[in-house]
Protein backbone atom coordinates (compact mmCIF):
# COMPACT_ATOMS: atom_id res chain seq x y z
CA MET A 1 -0.33 0.09 0.01
CA TYR A 2 1.37 3.40 -0.89
CA GLY A 3 0.40 6.13 1.76
CA ILE A 4 -1.84 8.81 0.88
CA ILE A 5 -2.55 11.72 2.67
CA ILE A 6 -5.24 14.79 0.93
CA VAL A 7 -5.13 18.42 2.15
CA ASP A 8 -7.54 21.13 1.03
CA ASP A 9 -8.57 23.90 3.30
CA GLU A 10 -12.12 23.05 2.66
CA VAL A 11 -13.72 20.00 4.23
CA PHE A 12 -16.25 18.62 2.42
CA VAL A 13 -14.06 19.25 -0.95
CA ARG A 14 -11.84 16.22 1.44
CA LYS A 15 -14.49 14.86 2.58
CA GLY A 16 -15.65 13.91 -1.12
CA LEU A 17 -12.57 13.30 -2.26
CA ILE A 18 -11.99 10.39 0.38
CA GLY A 19 -15.31 9.13 -0.10
CA MET A 20 -14.71 8.84 -4.52
CA ILE A 21 -12.21 7.02 -4.73
CA ASP A 22 -11.65 2.87 -3.91
CA TRP A 23 -8.30 3.83 -2.46
CA ALA A 24 -7.17 0.32 -0.90
CA GLY A 25 -8.63 -0.56 -4.30
CA SER A 26 -5.99 1.46 -5.91
CA GLY A 27 -3.08 0.25 -3.77
CA PHE A 28 -3.23 2.88 -1.30
CA GLU A 29 -3.99 4.06 2.09
CA ILE A 30 -4.86 7.75 3.61
CA THR A 31 -2.87 8.56 6.65
CA GLY A 32 -4.00 11.57 6.79
CA GLU A 33 -6.03 14.68 5.94
CA ALA A 34 -5.15 18.85 6.84
CA ASP A 35 -6.40 21.73 5.88
CA ASP A 36 -3.33 24.01 5.79
CA GLY A 37 -0.05 23.32 4.38
CA GLU A 38 1.54 24.02 7.81
CA ASP A 39 0.42 20.98 9.07
CA ALA A 40 0.64 19.04 6.23
CA LEU A 41 4.20 19.82 6.68
CA GLU A 42 3.89 18.34 10.18
CA LEU A 43 2.38 15.16 8.77
CA ILE A 44 4.71 14.59 5.75
CA ARG A 45 7.60 14.81 8.42
CA ALA A 46 5.79 12.16 10.63
CA LYS A 47 4.17 9.88 8.17
CA ARG A 48 5.93 10.21 5.45
CA PRO A 49 3.29 9.33 2.86
CA GLN A 50 4.75 8.24 -0.63
CA LEU A 51 1.95 10.81 -2.60
CA VAL A 52 -0.10 13.97 -1.43
CA ILE A 53 -3.06 15.45 -3.10
CA THR A 54 -3.18 19.40 -1.85
CA ASP A 55 -5.05 22.35 -3.14
CA ILE A 56 -3.12 25.24 -3.70
CA ARG A 57 -4.89 28.06 -2.41
CA MET A 58 -4.40 27.69 1.59
CA PRO A 59 -4.17 30.19 4.20
CA ILE A 60 -0.75 30.11 6.45
CA LEU A 61 1.39 27.73 3.55
CA ASP A 62 -0.12 27.53 0.04
CA GLY A 63 0.21 24.11 -1.88
CA ILE A 64 2.89 25.59 -3.58
CA GLY A 65 4.42 26.65 -0.70
CA LEU A 66 3.88 22.66 1.14
CA ILE A 67 6.15 21.77 -2.25
CA GLU A 68 9.00 24.01 -1.87
CA ALA A 69 8.80 22.94 1.45
CA VAL A 70 9.04 19.44 0.65
CA THR A 71 11.75 19.68 -1.99
CA GLU A 72 13.90 21.66 0.21
CA GLU A 73 13.73 18.69 2.90
CA GLN A 74 13.98 16.04 0.33
CA LEU A 75 11.03 14.29 2.05
CA GLY A 76 10.75 12.43 -1.20
CA THR A 77 7.31 12.61 -1.23
CA LYS A 78 5.31 13.39 -4.56
CA PHE A 79 2.34 15.48 -5.08
CA ILE A 80 -1.23 16.13 -7.29
CA ILE A 81 -2.16 19.40 -7.20
CA ILE A 82 -6.36 20.77 -7.33
CA SER A 83 -7.19 23.86 -8.15
CA GLY A 84 -10.00 25.85 -9.17
CA TYR A 85 -8.19 28.42 -10.39
CA ASN A 86 -7.03 27.51 -14.82
CA ASP A 87 -3.81 29.62 -13.70
CA PHE A 88 -0.88 28.40 -16.25
CA ARG A 89 1.21 30.39 -13.66
CA TYR A 90 1.05 27.57 -11.27
CA ALA A 91 1.34 25.01 -13.31
CA GLN A 92 4.88 26.47 -14.54
CA GLN A 93 5.38 26.75 -10.71
CA ALA A 94 4.68 23.41 -9.78
CA VAL A 95 6.31 22.03 -13.35
CA ARG A 96 9.53 23.23 -11.70
CA TYR A 97 9.22 20.94 -8.21
CA GLY A 98 8.60 18.05 -10.17
CA VAL A 99 4.63 17.84 -9.69
CA LEU A 100 2.85 14.37 -10.60
CA ASP A 101 -0.63 15.69 -11.89
CA TYR A 102 -2.15 18.40 -12.72
CA VAL A 103 -6.60 18.19 -11.71
CA LEU A 104 -8.75 21.42 -12.13
CA LYS A 105 -11.78 21.76 -9.40
CA PRO A 106 -14.41 20.33 -9.52
CA VAL A 107 -12.32 17.22 -9.63
CA ASP A 108 -13.11 14.46 -11.81
CA GLU A 109 -13.01 10.53 -10.50
CA HIS A 110 -11.05 9.98 -13.91
CA GLU A 111 -8.98 12.86 -14.20
CA ILE A 112 -8.03 11.68 -10.01
CA VAL A 113 -7.75 7.48 -10.85
CA LYS A 114 -5.84 8.77 -14.47
CA ALA A 115 -3.45 10.53 -11.67
CA LEU A 116 -2.70 7.87 -9.28
CA HIS A 117 -2.18 5.10 -12.63
CA LYS A 118 0.40 7.60 -13.39
CA PHE A 119 2.10 7.35 -9.70
CA ARG A 120 2.36 4.45 -9.70
CA GLU A 121 3.97 3.36 -13.00
CA GLU A 122 5.89 5.93 -12.32
CA PHE A 123 7.55 4.86 -8.51
CA SER A 124 7.58 1.47 -9.35
CA ALA A 125 10.10 2.33 -12.41
CA ARG A 126 11.89 4.61 -9.99
CA GLN A 127 11.70 1.72 -7.14
CA GLN A 128 13.23 -0.66 -9.21
CA LEU A 129 15.96 1.39 -10.74
CA GLN A 130 16.45 1.52 -6.80
CA ASP A 131 17.14 -1.29 -5.68
CA ARG A 132 19.15 -2.54 -9.12
CA LEU A 133 21.52 0.62 -7.79
CA GLN A 134 21.06 -0.28 -4.15
CA LEU A 135 22.35 -4.46 -5.94
CA HIS A 136 24.70 -3.15 -7.09
CA GLU A 137 26.07 -0.88 -5.16
CA GLY A 138 25.73 -4.22 -2.73
CA GLU A 139 27.57 -6.48 -4.26
CA LYS A 140 30.62 -4.27 -5.44
CA ARG A 141 30.57 -3.74 -1.75
CA MET A 142 30.51 -7.64 -1.27
CA GLU A 143 33.06 -8.21 -4.56
CA ALA A 144 35.55 -5.84 -2.07
CA LEU A 145 34.97 -7.34 1.17
CA LEU A 146 35.35 -11.30 -0.74
CA ARG A 147 39.09 -9.35 -1.77
CA GLY A 148 40.28 -8.63 1.66
CA GLU A 149 39.72 -5.36 0.89
CA PRO A 150 39.05 -2.85 3.73
CA LEU A 151 35.57 -2.04 5.46
CA ASP A 152 34.25 1.07 4.59
CA ALA A 153 31.16 3.12 6.20
CA VAL A 154 28.60 1.31 4.93
CA LEU A 155 30.30 -2.55 5.03
CA GLU A 156 31.04 -1.54 8.99
CA ASP A 157 27.04 0.10 9.19
CA TRP A 158 26.27 -4.15 8.25
CA GLU A 159 28.48 -5.44 10.62
CA GLN A 160 27.19 -3.29 13.52
CA GLN A 161 24.23 -4.10 12.66
CA TRP A 162 24.42 -7.97 12.39
CA THR A 163 26.27 -7.21 15.87
CA ALA A 164 23.93 -5.80 17.38
CA ALA A 165 20.89 -8.51 16.79
CA GLY A 166 23.54 -11.00 18.58
CA ALA A 167 25.68 -12.05 15.15
CA THR A 168 29.22 -13.09 16.82
CA GLN A 169 30.19 -15.01 13.55
CA PHE A 170 29.82 -15.48 9.97
CA THR A 171 29.97 -17.51 7.38
CA TYR A 172 30.03 -17.68 3.54
CA VAL A 173 28.21 -19.87 1.88
CA LEU A 174 28.25 -21.18 -2.16
CA LEU A 175 25.16 -22.64 -3.27
CA GLU A 176 25.02 -24.75 -6.72
CA VAL A 177 22.59 -25.32 -8.63
CA ASN A 178 23.11 -29.49 -10.61
CA ASN A 179 22.22 -31.27 -13.04
CA VAL A 180 20.82 -29.00 -15.63
CA PHE A 181 22.66 -29.72 -18.99
CA PRO A 182 21.91 -28.20 -22.79
CA TRP A 183 21.76 -32.01 -23.44
CA SER A 184 19.43 -32.44 -20.17
CA GLY A 185 16.64 -31.02 -21.83
CA ARG A 186 15.92 -28.78 -18.85
CA GLN A 187 15.56 -25.56 -18.76
CA LEU A 188 17.74 -23.83 -15.71
CA PRO A 189 15.63 -20.98 -13.95
CA GLY A 190 17.14 -17.67 -15.59
CA LYS A 191 20.62 -16.18 -13.11
CA ALA A 192 18.48 -12.99 -12.08
CA GLU A 193 15.76 -15.10 -11.07
CA LEU A 194 18.03 -17.73 -8.89
CA LYS A 195 19.24 -14.86 -7.23
CA GLU A 196 15.81 -13.41 -6.01
CA SER A 197 14.71 -16.64 -5.41
CA ILE A 198 17.76 -17.43 -3.37
CA ARG A 199 17.17 -13.79 -1.35
CA GLN A 200 13.34 -15.15 -1.10
CA GLU A 201 13.67 -18.62 0.56
CA VAL A 202 16.41 -17.35 3.04
CA GLY A 203 14.60 -13.67 3.99
CA GLY A 204 11.34 -16.61 4.57
CA ILE A 205 13.31 -17.91 7.54
CA THR A 206 15.70 -14.82 8.82
CA ALA A 207 12.84 -12.03 7.93
CA GLU A 208 16.71 -10.83 5.94
CA PRO A 209 16.84 -11.22 2.53
CA PRO A 210 20.86 -11.71 1.90
CA LEU A 211 22.80 -9.88 -0.50
CA VAL A 212 23.41 -12.88 -3.58
CA TYR A 213 26.62 -12.22 -4.90
CA GLU A 214 26.81 -14.57 -8.11
CA HIS A 215 29.43 -16.73 -8.79
CA ARG A 216 31.30 -18.31 -12.34
CA ARG A 217 29.53 -21.67 -10.56
CA PHE A 218 28.29 -20.92 -7.25
CA PHE A 219 25.88 -17.98 -5.61
CA GLY A 220 27.09 -16.78 -2.33
CA PHE A 221 25.64 -15.09 0.50
CA ILE A 222 26.53 -14.79 4.06
CA VAL A 223 25.14 -16.00 7.29
CA PRO A 224 25.72 -13.93 10.41
CA GLU A 225 25.00 -16.36 13.96
CA HIS A 226 21.77 -15.31 14.42
CA TYR A 227 20.45 -16.06 10.93
CA LEU A 228 20.22 -19.74 13.15
CA ARG A 229 18.54 -18.74 16.14
CA GLN A 230 15.86 -20.82 14.81
CA HIS A 231 18.06 -24.10 14.11
CA GLY A 232 19.40 -23.86 17.54
CA GLY A 233 22.93 -22.31 16.52
CA GLU A 234 23.11 -25.14 14.10
CA LEU A 235 24.30 -23.98 10.98
CA ARG A 236 23.75 -27.52 8.87
CA SER A 237 20.33 -27.02 10.12
CA PHE A 238 20.02 -24.11 8.63
CA LEU A 239 21.15 -24.44 5.57
CA ALA A 240 18.97 -27.56 5.39
CA GLU A 241 15.67 -26.05 5.14
CA CYS A 242 17.34 -23.36 2.81
CA LEU A 243 17.89 -25.90 -0.05
CA SER A 244 14.49 -27.33 0.87
CA ARG A 245 12.41 -24.29 0.51
CA LEU A 246 14.78 -22.82 -2.59
CA CYS A 247 14.41 -26.86 -4.51
CA GLY A 248 10.55 -27.13 -3.74
CA ARG A 249 9.59 -23.81 -5.41
CA LEU A 250 12.27 -24.67 -8.53
CA ASP A 251 11.77 -27.95 -8.74
CA ILE A 252 15.50 -28.09 -9.01
CA GLN A 253 19.09 -30.31 -7.61
CA ALA A 254 20.84 -28.07 -4.57
CA ALA A 255 24.09 -28.10 -2.96
CA THR A 256 26.17 -25.13 -0.14
CA TYR A 257 29.13 -25.58 0.91
CA ALA A 258 30.29 -23.51 3.68
CA GLY A 259 33.26 -21.82 4.92
CA GLN A 260 35.38 -21.25 8.34
CA PRO A 261 33.31 -18.87 10.08
CA VAL A 262 34.80 -15.68 10.97
CA SER A 263 34.44 -13.06 14.02
CA THR A 264 34.71 -10.10 11.43
CA LEU A 265 33.90 -8.95 8.48
CA LYS A 266 37.75 -8.00 7.16
CA GLU A 267 37.82 -11.78 7.50
CA LEU A 268 35.29 -13.21 5.03
CA LYS A 269 37.79 -13.79 2.50
CA HIS A 270 38.81 -16.44 4.54
CA SER A 271 35.47 -17.77 4.92
CA TYR A 272 35.08 -17.23 1.17
CA THR A 273 38.31 -19.18 0.48
CA SER A 274 37.42 -21.94 2.75
CA ALA A 275 33.91 -22.22 1.23
CA LYS A 276 35.39 -22.54 -2.20
CA GLU A 277 37.94 -25.26 -0.59
CA THR A 278 35.40 -27.43 0.75
CA ALA A 279 33.26 -27.65 -2.76
CA GLU A 280 36.17 -29.02 -3.84
CA PHE A 281 35.39 -31.90 -1.50
CA LYS A 282 31.83 -32.66 -3.40
CA TYR A 283 33.10 -35.55 -5.26
CA ALA A 284 34.60 -37.15 -1.92
CA ARG A 285 31.05 -36.94 0.09
CA PRO A 286 28.72 -37.38 -2.45
CA ALA A 287 25.82 -37.84 -0.34
CA GLN A 288 26.27 -34.48 1.42
CA GLN A 289 24.28 -31.80 -0.20
CA ILE A 290 25.05 -29.51 2.85
CA LEU A 291 29.37 -29.67 2.84
CA THR A 292 31.34 -27.49 5.89
CA TYR A 293 34.45 -26.62 6.42
CA ALA A 294 34.54 -28.51 9.65
CA ASP A 295 33.92 -32.04 7.29
CA ILE A 296 37.03 -32.10 5.50
CA ALA A 297 39.53 -29.76 7.27
CA GLY A 298 42.48 -32.36 7.52
CA LEU A 299 41.06 -34.04 4.66
CA GLU A 300 43.22 -33.78 0.63
CA LEU A 301 42.17 -34.40 -2.64
CA LYS A 302 44.28 -36.62 -4.74
CA TYR A 303 45.28 -35.90 -8.51
CA ILE A 304 45.43 -39.47 -9.54
CA HIS A 305 44.76 -41.96 -12.32
CA PRO A 306 42.67 -45.08 -11.91
CA GLY A 307 44.91 -48.07 -12.00
CA ASN A 308 45.62 -49.83 -15.06
CA GLU A 309 43.96 -52.77 -13.67
CA VAL A 310 40.41 -50.91 -13.46
CA PHE A 311 41.34 -49.01 -16.83
CA ARG A 312 41.76 -51.91 -18.46
CA ALA A 313 38.87 -54.05 -17.39
CA TRP A 314 36.58 -51.04 -18.39
CA MET A 315 38.18 -50.49 -21.81
CA GLU A 316 37.70 -54.63 -22.57
CA ALA A 317 34.62 -54.90 -20.92
CA ILE A 318 33.41 -51.96 -23.77
CA GLU A 319 35.87 -53.88 -26.67
CA GLU A 320 33.71 -57.10 -25.96
CA ASN A 321 30.59 -55.89 -25.40
CA ASN A 322 30.53 -57.25 -21.86
CA THR A 323 27.76 -55.31 -19.49
CA VAL A 324 28.01 -57.09 -16.78
CA ALA A 325 31.96 -56.78 -16.85
CA LEU A 326 30.94 -53.17 -18.02
CA LEU A 327 29.65 -52.50 -14.03
CA ALA A 328 31.38 -53.95 -12.52
CA ALA A 329 34.29 -52.17 -13.60
CA LEU A 330 32.46 -48.71 -13.28
CA ASP A 331 31.66 -49.69 -9.69
CA ARG A 332 34.55 -50.49 -8.74
CA LEU A 333 36.08 -47.18 -10.89
CA PHE A 334 33.71 -44.91 -9.12
CA ALA A 335 34.88 -46.59 -5.44
CA GLU A 336 38.39 -45.88 -6.26
CA PHE A 337 37.67 -42.49 -7.07
CA ARG A 338 35.71 -42.45 -3.37
CA GLU A 339 37.68 -44.00 -1.41
CA GLN A 340 41.07 -42.02 -2.24
CA LEU A 341 39.50 -39.25 -2.45
CA VAL A 342 40.40 -38.43 -6.04
CA SER A 343 40.14 -35.35 -7.37
CA LYS A 344 37.47 -33.38 -10.02
CA GLU A 345 40.64 -32.61 -12.89
CA ALA A 346 41.39 -36.33 -12.24
CA MET A 347 38.30 -38.09 -12.89
CA LYS A 348 38.22 -35.80 -15.82
CA ALA A 349 41.40 -37.21 -17.25
CA ALA A 350 40.14 -40.45 -16.18
CA ALA A 351 36.68 -39.81 -18.73
CA VAL A 352 39.49 -38.19 -20.99
CA GLN A 353 41.41 -41.18 -21.50
CA CYS A 354 38.70 -43.27 -22.18
CA VAL A 355 37.01 -41.43 -24.53
CA HIS A 356 39.87 -41.23 -26.62
CA SER A 357 40.47 -45.54 -26.29
CA VAL A 358 36.81 -45.87 -27.59
CA LEU A 359 37.38 -43.30 -30.33
CA HIS A 360 40.47 -44.65 -31.55
CA THR A 361 38.77 -48.19 -31.42
CA ILE A 362 35.94 -46.70 -33.28
CA ARG A 363 38.10 -44.90 -36.16
CA SER A 364 40.43 -48.12 -36.56
CA LEU A 365 37.29 -49.98 -37.42
CA LYS A 366 36.38 -47.43 -39.54
CA GLY A 367 33.46 -46.37 -37.87
CA ASP A 368 32.18 -42.64 -36.75
CA GLU A 369 31.98 -41.48 -33.57
CA LYS A 370 29.54 -39.01 -33.94
CA ARG A 371 26.89 -41.86 -34.11
CA LEU A 372 28.01 -41.88 -29.93
CA ALA A 373 25.07 -39.32 -28.82
CA SER A 374 26.56 -39.10 -25.61
CA LEU A 375 29.97 -38.11 -26.90
CA VAL A 376 29.58 -34.52 -26.40
CA PRO A 377 28.22 -34.33 -22.83
CA MET A 378 31.05 -37.02 -22.00
CA MET A 379 33.38 -34.24 -23.42
CA ASN A 380 32.02 -31.39 -21.45
CA TRP A 381 30.27 -32.54 -18.06
CA TYR A 382 33.47 -30.75 -16.27
CA ASP A 383 32.20 -27.15 -17.56
CA HIS A 384 28.42 -28.07 -15.29
CA ASN A 385 27.81 -28.07 -11.83
CA ILE A 386 27.55 -32.27 -11.66
CA THR A 387 26.68 -34.54 -9.08
CA LEU A 388 28.74 -37.83 -8.30
CA ASP A 389 25.82 -40.14 -8.84
CA GLU A 390 25.11 -38.32 -12.69
CA LEU A 391 28.24 -38.74 -13.55
CA ARG A 392 28.16 -42.38 -12.78
CA SER A 393 25.32 -42.20 -15.04
CA LEU A 394 27.16 -40.30 -18.10
CA PHE A 395 29.89 -42.90 -17.82
CA GLU A 396 27.50 -45.68 -18.12
CA VAL A 397 25.31 -44.52 -20.89
CA PHE A 398 28.87 -43.50 -22.36
CA SER A 399 30.63 -46.84 -22.14
CA LEU A 400 27.20 -48.65 -22.97
CA GLU A 401 26.12 -47.10 -26.05
CA ALA A 402 29.69 -47.45 -26.66
CA ALA A 403 30.10 -51.00 -26.27
CA GLU A 404 27.27 -51.82 -28.28
CA LEU A 405 28.92 -48.95 -31.87
CA ILE A 406 32.17 -51.21 -31.36
CA GLN A 407 30.10 -54.65 -31.38
CA GLY A 408 28.41 -53.19 -34.56
CA LEU A 409 31.31 -52.51 -36.13
CA TYR A 410 32.90 -55.63 -35.17
CA GLN A 411 30.40 -57.31 -37.12
CA SER A 412 30.58 -55.82 -40.25
CA TYR A 413 34.05 -54.97 -40.35
CA GLY A 414 35.73 -58.24 -41.43
CA THR A 415 38.87 -57.91 -39.06
CA GLY A 416 36.69 -57.17 -35.93
CA GLY A 417 38.32 -60.47 -34.12
CA LEU A 418 42.24 -59.01 -35.11
CA HIS A 419 41.07 -55.84 -34.51
CA ARG A 420 40.38 -57.52 -30.46
CA ILE A 421 43.76 -59.05 -30.62
CA LYS A 422 45.65 -56.24 -31.62
CA SER A 423 44.19 -53.84 -28.72
CA TYR A 424 44.94 -57.15 -26.43
CA VAL A 425 48.77 -57.04 -27.88
CA ASP A 426 48.54 -53.69 -27.17
CA ARG A 427 47.44 -53.29 -23.77
CA ASN A 428 49.76 -56.62 -22.49
CA PHE A 429 52.40 -56.48 -24.95
CA HIS A 430 54.92 -55.87 -21.28
CA GLU A 431 53.36 -59.78 -20.58
CA ASN A 432 55.26 -62.76 -22.19
CA LEU A 433 53.37 -63.26 -25.66
CA ASN A 434 53.84 -64.86 -28.80
CA LEU A 435 51.84 -66.35 -31.46
CA LYS A 436 51.28 -69.39 -31.12
CA GLN A 437 49.88 -68.37 -27.36
CA ILE A 438 47.57 -65.69 -28.72
CA ALA A 439 45.74 -68.00 -31.20
CA GLY A 440 45.16 -70.38 -28.96
CA GLN A 441 43.78 -67.65 -26.37
CA PHE A 442 41.17 -66.06 -29.39
CA TYR A 443 40.55 -69.64 -30.47
CA MET A 444 42.39 -69.08 -34.32
CA ASN A 445 45.07 -70.55 -35.93
CA SER A 446 48.42 -69.57 -35.40
CA ALA A 447 49.67 -70.17 -39.19
CA TYR A 448 46.21 -67.78 -40.17
CA LEU A 449 46.55 -65.27 -37.50
CA GLY A 450 50.06 -64.45 -38.37
CA GLN A 451 48.85 -64.07 -42.17
CA VAL A 452 46.16 -62.34 -41.92
CA PHE A 453 48.37 -60.11 -39.54
CA ARG A 454 50.47 -59.13 -42.21
CA LYS A 455 48.03 -58.69 -43.88
CA ASN A 456 46.12 -55.48 -42.14
CA TYR A 457 49.17 -53.84 -40.29
CA GLY A 458 52.29 -54.52 -43.14
CA LEU A 459 54.30 -56.33 -40.26
CA TYR A 460 54.67 -59.68 -39.11
CA PHE A 461 53.42 -60.43 -35.56
CA ASN A 462 56.43 -60.68 -33.89
CA GLU A 463 57.71 -57.60 -35.39
CA TYR A 464 54.58 -56.01 -34.29
CA LEU A 465 55.34 -56.93 -30.84
CA LEU A 466 58.94 -55.82 -31.10
CA GLN A 467 58.29 -52.21 -32.36
CA LEU A 468 56.04 -52.19 -29.14
CA ARG A 469 58.13 -52.89 -26.68
CA ILE A 470 61.37 -51.01 -28.04
CA THR A 471 58.75 -48.07 -28.20
CA GLU A 472 58.24 -48.48 -24.69
CA ALA A 473 61.16 -48.99 -23.97
CA LYS A 474 62.82 -45.77 -25.77
CA LYS A 475 60.86 -43.68 -23.66
CA LEU A 476 61.81 -45.07 -20.35
CA LEU A 477 65.44 -44.56 -21.21
CA ARG A 478 64.44 -40.99 -21.69
CA GLN A 479 62.35 -40.43 -18.98
CA THR A 480 63.26 -42.65 -16.37
CA ASP A 481 66.85 -43.99 -14.72
CA LEU A 482 66.01 -46.93 -14.60
CA ARG A 483 69.02 -49.76 -15.26
CA ILE A 484 68.49 -51.23 -18.33
CA TYR A 485 67.74 -54.47 -17.42
CA GLU A 486 64.78 -53.02 -15.16
CA ILE A 487 63.70 -51.15 -18.44
CA ALA A 488 64.14 -55.10 -20.17
CA GLU A 489 62.04 -56.37 -17.78
CA GLN A 490 59.54 -53.55 -17.87
CA VAL A 491 58.37 -53.94 -21.59
CA GLY A 492 58.88 -57.44 -21.94
CA PHE A 493 62.13 -59.03 -22.34
CA ARG A 494 63.54 -62.29 -20.24
CA ASN A 495 66.82 -61.84 -21.13
CA ALA A 496 68.39 -57.83 -20.76
CA ASP A 497 71.54 -59.04 -23.13
CA TYR A 498 68.71 -60.03 -25.54
CA PHE A 499 66.80 -56.91 -24.92
CA VAL A 500 70.31 -55.17 -25.59
CA THR A 501 70.63 -56.97 -29.33
CA GLN A 502 67.25 -56.17 -30.13
CA PHE A 503 67.25 -52.67 -29.39
CA GLU A 504 70.45 -52.36 -31.70
CA LYS A 505 69.08 -53.70 -34.26
CA LEU A 506 65.82 -51.97 -34.55
CA GLU A 507 67.51 -47.97 -33.08
CA GLN A 508 71.00 -49.02 -34.23
CA SER A 509 72.26 -47.84 -31.26
CA THR A 510 72.56 -49.86 -27.72
CA PRO A 511 69.77 -48.34 -25.73
CA THR A 512 72.97 -46.83 -23.32
CA GLU A 513 73.95 -44.86 -26.07
CA TYR A 514 70.51 -43.88 -26.86
CA ARG A 515 69.67 -42.90 -23.60
CA ASN A 516 73.39 -40.68 -23.44
CA ARG A 517 72.35 -39.42 -27.10
CA MET A 518 68.58 -38.01 -25.63
CA GLY A 519 70.67 -36.88 -22.82
CA HIS A 520 72.54 -34.07 -24.46
CA ARG A 521 70.38 -32.66 -26.91
């Protein structure tokens, strides 16, 4: 409701005007009336109405004098003038003081209603602009806080208001909306709507809507300690209600990450950085929709790749289209992610490794990887907020889809069985392999296998195996300080002298000479 005061020295005009309009239905509440400008000025000072309807000709202080006094005192009230005198000079003066409208007596209801409508439009536009400016200024100050800059007068006032309300600690909270992707078909609410929804739902608990700051992938806000009173001082309980209200309102999945509490706003940067650190553990603690710094204090994420055994089992299951083995390998992989506190970056690297291996297989079979509908999501999940369960589902969909495509390529491409043999050799060249053993493992005649292998790959089986081993040996010679016999064992040679002979035959230098040459480049 907008507050309004009616001012006229004729009582019947005031009462007639009050009874003429459905003020409440029009969004107004009459908070007072006066019969001269002097009394009206006192009322305006006391009531601070948004609008005053006043006559011009009045004793003691006329309408123009009243408007002039209110303008000089910057009381923020708007005016509609009514007068029985159609005097252009009055209109000119009124316009100079920013009067909203000028209505002649006898007052016509339609003219007053039109003037009220004009006021509502202007006031609403002005209020929206003011709100935007206040939010913008607030965001600038929040940004300064997060950078650790000194407090200005407004920020000091924030802190004083909160400490006066009983706050002795301040916690910065990051809120993340999850599992809304371009490929999911779901539409994420706009950022402005999300920010306003967070303000309203948190404000619905605290009766004090917070300033919500937009980060790249999060929305952040300050939680002063007194916000937690209705939750017995428990931050987790408070955040649980915030999430429940927000997710119920927008039908979304969201999570919060709370930093370390600090005692003053000057220290808010520390709470913010610890909230970001907490968010990095979302996959290490996937069951917790609310994660606090205390939950992860002392823990350390690891940038490690999945074990070779897990990765080989995964790829073999894909190439063999073995659903049971594939799902078991994924279970082991994600269990390893959780148990070993694997970082998000390392999980991304594992996904990239899987994708590249699959694409290599598909391309070697003359297939088209664009037939994989899940390829784009699998390559781009890292750029979106995604839960661990959703990521597991994405890995599964991609793996099953890739297995089905590769199986179809095997069936349509005559050398599918041969490709599986080659893939097996690529993964296990360091083992004690030979053509006869491989042929028996894949139920083929060894002589026939040797022929088709050379026909398709341009090398005899033993030549191909030797190249793989020597290539790996060269890598180890360049990148490690392992002894020659140790390298020989790692790449599949049971005899170091035989390794040296074969290396020299292929590279025209001994392993030691090769290492020395690389070291002097």
